[in-house]
Every structure is written in C-alpha cells, then in structure tokens.
C-alpha cells in the first residue's frame, strides 16, 4: 500500500497577498486620478475660485447699472445730464469743443 503526500506549494501563500495588493492599487489609483479623486477636487477648487472672482466683478457691474437706472426716473423729470450722456453715447456724437476719452474695458 502506498500513500500520496501533498507537496506544499510556495505559490499558494502568495495568492491572497497578490489579490490584496491588486485591490489596494486599483482603489488607490482611482482615489487620486478618478472622477472624484484628489486631482478632480483640485480642478474643482480652481474653477470655484475663478467663478467667484467673475461673480464679484458681475456684482459690481450690476451695482453700477442699478445706480444709473436710479438716475432715470420712470414717472418724474429726467435728469438732463444723464439723458444727454446716453444720447451722445447711443448716437456716437460730441460737441466741437469737447474732448473725447475712449475707455476700452
């Protein structure tokens, strides 16, 4: 009668650590480079800062426009200077003795 003995394989001990390293590598890569990873968060913060600056500029522009609208009453007398300024700007006219300064924004 003969008995068979099992050979102990050294590769069997490496299967679980190999699978664990593969999972850790996969999730580690995607936590940095994925759609919601660290690099995406940095891009989001940069875009947020740019949009906040743009919002501040637009808010200031809106305040200036609101002040100009207040100078043009809807039911009362029109401020002559404001009417004159708007008419000259719309028609692109000036008087012969005026100096024109162009403000390019």
N, C-alpha and C. Protein backbone atom coordinates (compact mmCIF):
# COMPACT_ATOMS: atom_id res chain seq x y z
N UNK A 1 0.83 -1.15 0.00
CA UNK A 1 0.00 0.00 0.00
C UNK A 1 0.89 1.24 0.00
N UNK A 2 0.52 2.14 -0.89
CA UNK A 2 1.32 3.35 -0.99
C UNK A 2 0.47 4.58 -0.62
N UNK A 3 1.11 5.52 -0.06
CA UNK A 3 0.42 6.76 0.32
C UNK A 3 0.96 7.92 -0.52
N UNK A 4 0.07 8.85 -0.77
CA UNK A 4 0.48 10.02 -1.53
C UNK A 4 0.62 11.18 -0.56
N UNK A 5 1.66 11.84 -0.67
CA UNK A 5 1.88 13.01 0.19
C UNK A 5 1.72 14.28 -0.65
N UNK A 6 1.10 15.27 -0.03
CA UNK A 6 0.90 16.54 -0.73
C UNK A 6 2.17 17.35 -0.68
N UNK A 7 2.45 17.96 -1.80
CA UNK A 7 3.58 18.87 -1.82
C UNK A 7 3.07 20.25 -1.40
N UNK A 8 3.78 20.87 -0.54
CA UNK A 8 3.41 22.22 -0.11
C UNK A 8 3.97 23.20 -1.13
N UNK A 9 3.05 23.93 -1.75
CA UNK A 9 3.47 24.88 -2.77
C UNK A 9 3.74 26.24 -2.12
N UNK A 10 4.79 26.84 -2.55
CA UNK A 10 5.12 28.17 -2.05
C UNK A 10 4.25 29.22 -2.73
N UNK A 11 3.75 28.93 -3.91
CA UNK A 11 2.92 29.90 -4.62
C UNK A 11 1.55 30.06 -3.97
N UNK A 12 1.07 29.10 -3.27
CA UNK A 12 -0.23 29.17 -2.61
C UNK A 12 -0.26 30.25 -1.54
N UNK A 13 0.86 30.48 -0.93
CA UNK A 13 0.93 31.51 0.11
C UNK A 13 0.93 32.92 -0.47
N UNK A 14 1.20 33.06 -1.76
CA UNK A 14 1.29 34.39 -2.38
C UNK A 14 -0.01 34.84 -3.04
N UNK A 15 -1.00 33.97 -3.13
CA UNK A 15 -2.25 34.33 -3.82
C UNK A 15 -3.01 35.44 -3.08
N UNK A 16 -3.24 35.28 -1.80
CA UNK A 16 -4.01 36.27 -1.04
C UNK A 16 -3.28 37.62 -0.99
N UNK A 17 -1.99 37.69 -0.70
CA UNK A 17 -1.32 39.00 -0.72
C UNK A 17 -1.32 39.65 -2.10
N UNK A 18 -1.22 38.84 -3.15
CA UNK A 18 -1.25 39.39 -4.51
C UNK A 18 -2.61 40.01 -4.82
N UNK A 19 -3.67 39.34 -4.46
CA UNK A 19 -5.02 39.87 -4.68
C UNK A 19 -5.22 41.13 -3.84
N UNK A 20 -4.73 41.14 -2.61
CA UNK A 20 -4.87 42.32 -1.75
C UNK A 20 -4.10 43.50 -2.33
N UNK A 21 -2.90 43.28 -2.82
CA UNK A 21 -2.12 44.35 -3.43
C UNK A 21 -2.81 44.89 -4.68
N UNK A 22 -3.43 43.99 -5.47
CA UNK A 22 -4.15 44.41 -6.67
C UNK A 22 -5.32 45.32 -6.29
N UNK A 23 -6.11 44.95 -5.29
CA UNK A 23 -7.24 45.76 -4.86
C UNK A 23 -6.78 47.12 -4.31
N UNK A 24 -5.76 47.10 -3.50
CA UNK A 24 -5.25 48.35 -2.93
C UNK A 24 -4.72 49.27 -4.03
N UNK A 25 -4.03 48.70 -5.00
CA UNK A 25 -3.51 49.50 -6.11
C UNK A 25 -4.65 50.10 -6.94
N UNK A 26 -5.68 49.31 -7.22
CA UNK A 26 -6.80 49.77 -8.02
C UNK A 26 -7.50 50.94 -7.33
N UNK A 27 -7.87 50.75 -6.08
CA UNK A 27 -8.59 51.80 -5.36
C UNK A 27 -7.70 53.01 -5.07
N UNK A 28 -6.43 52.78 -4.83
CA UNK A 28 -5.50 53.89 -4.61
C UNK A 28 -5.36 54.75 -5.86
N UNK A 29 -5.23 54.12 -7.02
CA UNK A 29 -5.12 54.86 -8.28
C UNK A 29 -6.36 55.71 -8.51
N UNK A 30 -7.52 55.13 -8.33
CA UNK A 30 -8.76 55.85 -8.60
C UNK A 30 -9.08 56.90 -7.54
N UNK A 31 -8.55 56.76 -6.34
CA UNK A 31 -8.78 57.80 -5.34
C UNK A 31 -7.96 59.06 -5.65
N UNK A 32 -6.92 58.92 -6.45
CA UNK A 32 -6.12 60.07 -6.85
C UNK A 32 -6.54 60.59 -8.22
N UNK A 33 -6.70 59.71 -9.20
CA UNK A 33 -6.93 60.12 -10.59
C UNK A 33 -8.37 59.97 -11.05
N UNK A 34 -9.26 59.47 -10.25
CA UNK A 34 -10.63 59.20 -10.68
C UNK A 34 -11.47 60.46 -10.83
N UNK A 35 -12.75 60.25 -11.18
CA UNK A 35 -13.67 61.37 -11.38
C UNK A 35 -13.89 62.16 -10.10
N UNK A 36 -13.80 61.52 -8.97
CA UNK A 36 -13.99 62.20 -7.68
C UNK A 36 -12.73 62.10 -6.81
N UNK A 37 -11.60 62.00 -7.47
CA UNK A 37 -10.34 61.86 -6.76
C UNK A 37 -9.74 63.19 -6.35
N UNK A 38 -8.52 63.12 -5.88
CA UNK A 38 -7.84 64.32 -5.37
C UNK A 38 -7.56 65.34 -6.48
N UNK A 39 -7.14 64.88 -7.65
CA UNK A 39 -6.87 65.80 -8.75
C UNK A 39 -8.15 66.48 -9.23
N UNK A 40 -9.24 65.74 -9.26
CA UNK A 40 -10.53 66.33 -9.64
C UNK A 40 -10.95 67.38 -8.62
N UNK A 41 -10.68 67.13 -7.35
CA UNK A 41 -11.02 68.10 -6.31
C UNK A 41 -10.21 69.38 -6.48
N UNK A 42 -8.94 69.27 -6.84
CA UNK A 42 -8.11 70.45 -7.07
C UNK A 42 -8.63 71.25 -8.26
N UNK A 43 -9.02 70.57 -9.35
CA UNK A 43 -9.59 71.27 -10.51
C UNK A 43 -10.89 71.97 -10.12
N UNK A 44 -11.69 71.32 -9.30
CA UNK A 44 -12.95 71.90 -8.84
C UNK A 44 -12.70 73.16 -8.02
N UNK A 45 -11.75 73.13 -7.12
CA UNK A 45 -11.44 74.29 -6.28
C UNK A 45 -10.92 75.46 -7.13
N UNK A 46 -10.10 75.17 -8.13
CA UNK A 46 -9.58 76.21 -9.01
C UNK A 46 -10.72 76.85 -9.80
N UNK A 47 -11.60 76.03 -10.34
CA UNK A 47 -12.76 76.55 -11.10
C UNK A 47 -13.68 77.37 -10.19
N UNK A 48 -13.84 76.92 -8.96
CA UNK A 48 -14.69 77.63 -8.00
C UNK A 48 -14.12 79.02 -7.72
N UNK A 49 -12.81 79.11 -7.54
CA UNK A 49 -12.17 80.41 -7.28
C UNK A 49 -12.33 81.35 -8.47
N UNK A 50 -12.18 80.82 -9.69
CA UNK A 50 -12.34 81.64 -10.89
C UNK A 50 -13.77 82.17 -11.00
N UNK A 51 -14.73 81.31 -10.73
CA UNK A 51 -16.13 81.72 -10.83
C UNK A 51 -16.51 82.72 -9.74
N UNK A 52 -15.90 82.60 -8.57
CA UNK A 52 -16.18 83.58 -7.50
C UNK A 52 -15.64 84.95 -7.87
N UNK A 53 -14.48 85.01 -8.52
CA UNK A 53 -13.94 86.29 -8.99
C UNK A 53 -14.84 86.90 -10.05
N UNK A 54 -15.32 86.06 -10.96
CA UNK A 54 -16.21 86.54 -12.00
C UNK A 54 -17.53 87.04 -11.40
N UNK A 55 -18.03 86.33 -10.39
CA UNK A 55 -19.25 86.75 -9.71
C UNK A 55 -19.08 88.11 -9.04
N UNK A 56 -17.94 88.32 -8.41
CA UNK A 56 -17.68 89.61 -7.76
C UNK A 56 -17.65 90.74 -8.78
N UNK A 57 -17.03 90.50 -9.93
CA UNK A 57 -16.97 91.53 -10.98
C UNK A 57 -18.37 91.83 -11.52
N UNK A 58 -19.15 90.78 -11.73
CA UNK A 58 -20.50 90.99 -12.24
C UNK A 58 -21.40 91.68 -11.22
N UNK A 59 -21.18 91.41 -9.95
CA UNK A 59 -21.96 92.07 -8.91
C UNK A 59 -21.66 93.56 -8.88
N UNK A 60 -20.38 93.92 -9.02
CA UNK A 60 -20.02 95.33 -9.07
C UNK A 60 -20.62 96.02 -10.29
N UNK A 61 -20.57 95.34 -11.42
CA UNK A 61 -21.15 95.91 -12.64
C UNK A 61 -22.66 96.10 -12.48
N UNK A 62 -23.30 95.17 -11.83
CA UNK A 62 -24.75 95.27 -11.60
C UNK A 62 -25.08 96.46 -10.69
N UNK A 63 -24.27 96.67 -9.67
CA UNK A 63 -24.49 97.82 -8.78
C UNK A 63 -24.37 99.13 -9.54
N UNK A 64 -23.37 99.22 -10.41
CA UNK A 64 -23.20 100.44 -11.22
C UNK A 64 -24.40 100.66 -12.13
N UNK A 65 -24.89 99.59 -12.74
CA UNK A 65 -26.04 99.73 -13.62
C UNK A 65 -27.30 100.12 -12.84
N UNK A 66 -27.44 99.60 -11.62
CA UNK A 66 -28.59 99.97 -10.80
C UNK A 66 -28.53 101.45 -10.43
N UNK A 67 -27.35 101.97 -10.17
CA UNK A 67 -27.21 103.40 -9.86
C UNK A 67 -27.59 104.25 -11.07
N UNK A 68 -27.21 103.80 -12.25
CA UNK A 68 -27.57 104.54 -13.46
C UNK A 68 -29.07 104.50 -13.71
N UNK A 69 -29.70 103.39 -13.41
CA UNK A 69 -31.15 103.28 -13.59
C UNK A 69 -31.88 104.20 -12.61
N UNK A 70 -31.35 104.34 -11.41
CA UNK A 70 -31.97 105.24 -10.43
C UNK A 70 -31.96 106.69 -10.90
N UNK A 71 -30.99 107.05 -11.72
CA UNK A 71 -30.91 108.42 -12.24
C UNK A 71 -31.94 108.68 -13.33
N UNK A 72 -32.52 107.63 -13.89
CA UNK A 72 -33.54 107.79 -14.91
C UNK A 72 -34.91 107.46 -14.30
N UNK A 73 -35.60 108.43 -13.73
CA UNK A 73 -36.90 108.14 -13.11
C UNK A 73 -37.94 107.80 -14.16
N UNK A 74 -38.84 106.91 -13.80
CA UNK A 74 -39.84 106.45 -14.76
C UNK A 74 -41.02 107.41 -14.86
N UNK A 75 -41.40 108.11 -13.79
CA UNK A 75 -42.57 108.97 -13.84
C UNK A 75 -42.26 110.44 -13.56
N UNK A 76 -41.06 110.75 -13.19
CA UNK A 76 -40.70 112.13 -12.86
C UNK A 76 -39.87 112.75 -13.96
N UNK A 77 -39.31 113.91 -13.67
CA UNK A 77 -38.48 114.57 -14.69
C UNK A 77 -37.16 113.82 -14.89
N UNK A 78 -36.69 113.83 -16.11
CA UNK A 78 -35.46 113.14 -16.47
C UNK A 78 -34.28 114.06 -16.16
N UNK A 79 -33.23 113.51 -15.57
CA UNK A 79 -32.03 114.27 -15.30
C UNK A 79 -31.37 114.60 -16.65
N UNK A 80 -31.20 115.87 -16.93
CA UNK A 80 -30.75 116.30 -18.25
C UNK A 80 -29.35 115.79 -18.57
N UNK A 81 -28.46 115.79 -17.59
CA UNK A 81 -27.09 115.32 -17.84
C UNK A 81 -27.08 113.84 -18.23
N UNK A 82 -27.89 113.05 -17.52
CA UNK A 82 -27.92 111.63 -17.82
C UNK A 82 -28.52 111.38 -19.21
N UNK A 83 -29.57 112.11 -19.54
CA UNK A 83 -30.18 111.97 -20.86
C UNK A 83 -29.20 112.39 -21.95
N UNK A 84 -28.49 113.48 -21.73
CA UNK A 84 -27.51 113.96 -22.70
C UNK A 84 -26.39 112.94 -22.89
N UNK A 85 -25.91 112.39 -21.78
CA UNK A 85 -24.83 111.39 -21.85
C UNK A 85 -25.27 110.16 -22.63
N UNK A 86 -26.47 109.66 -22.33
CA UNK A 86 -26.97 108.46 -23.03
C UNK A 86 -27.19 108.72 -24.52
N UNK A 87 -27.73 109.89 -24.85
CA UNK A 87 -27.97 110.21 -26.25
C UNK A 87 -26.67 110.32 -27.02
N UNK A 88 -25.68 110.96 -26.44
CA UNK A 88 -24.38 111.08 -27.11
C UNK A 88 -23.71 109.71 -27.28
N UNK A 89 -23.84 108.87 -26.28
CA UNK A 89 -23.24 107.54 -26.37
C UNK A 89 -23.94 106.70 -27.43
N UNK A 90 -25.26 106.76 -27.48
CA UNK A 90 -26.01 105.96 -28.44
C UNK A 90 -25.80 106.45 -29.87
N UNK A 91 -25.73 107.76 -30.06
CA UNK A 91 -25.59 108.32 -31.40
C UNK A 91 -24.14 108.53 -31.82
N UNK A 92 -23.21 108.33 -30.87
CA UNK A 92 -21.79 108.49 -31.13
C UNK A 92 -21.47 109.92 -31.60
N UNK A 93 -21.99 110.90 -30.86
CA UNK A 93 -21.81 112.31 -31.19
C UNK A 93 -21.09 113.04 -30.07
N UNK A 94 -20.48 114.16 -30.43
CA UNK A 94 -19.88 115.04 -29.42
C UNK A 94 -19.91 116.46 -29.95
N UNK A 95 -19.75 117.43 -29.08
CA UNK A 95 -19.70 118.83 -29.48
C UNK A 95 -18.30 119.17 -29.98
N UNK A 96 -18.17 120.22 -30.77
CA UNK A 96 -16.85 120.55 -31.32
C UNK A 96 -15.82 120.94 -30.25
N UNK A 97 -16.26 121.48 -29.12
CA UNK A 97 -15.30 121.92 -28.10
C UNK A 97 -15.08 120.87 -27.02
N UNK A 98 -15.56 119.66 -27.20
CA UNK A 98 -15.40 118.60 -26.20
C UNK A 98 -14.19 117.73 -26.52
N UNK A 99 -13.60 117.19 -25.47
CA UNK A 99 -12.50 116.24 -25.62
C UNK A 99 -13.06 114.85 -25.33
N UNK A 100 -12.83 113.92 -26.24
CA UNK A 100 -13.36 112.57 -26.11
C UNK A 100 -12.25 111.66 -25.61
N UNK A 101 -12.54 110.93 -24.51
CA UNK A 101 -11.59 109.96 -23.96
C UNK A 101 -12.22 108.59 -24.08
N UNK A 102 -11.60 107.72 -24.83
CA UNK A 102 -12.13 106.38 -25.02
C UNK A 102 -11.69 105.49 -23.87
N UNK A 103 -12.63 104.79 -23.29
CA UNK A 103 -12.37 103.88 -22.18
C UNK A 103 -12.67 102.47 -22.63
N UNK A 104 -11.64 101.73 -23.02
CA UNK A 104 -11.82 100.36 -23.51
C UNK A 104 -11.73 99.40 -22.34
N UNK A 105 -12.79 98.70 -22.08
CA UNK A 105 -12.81 97.73 -20.98
C UNK A 105 -12.85 96.34 -21.50
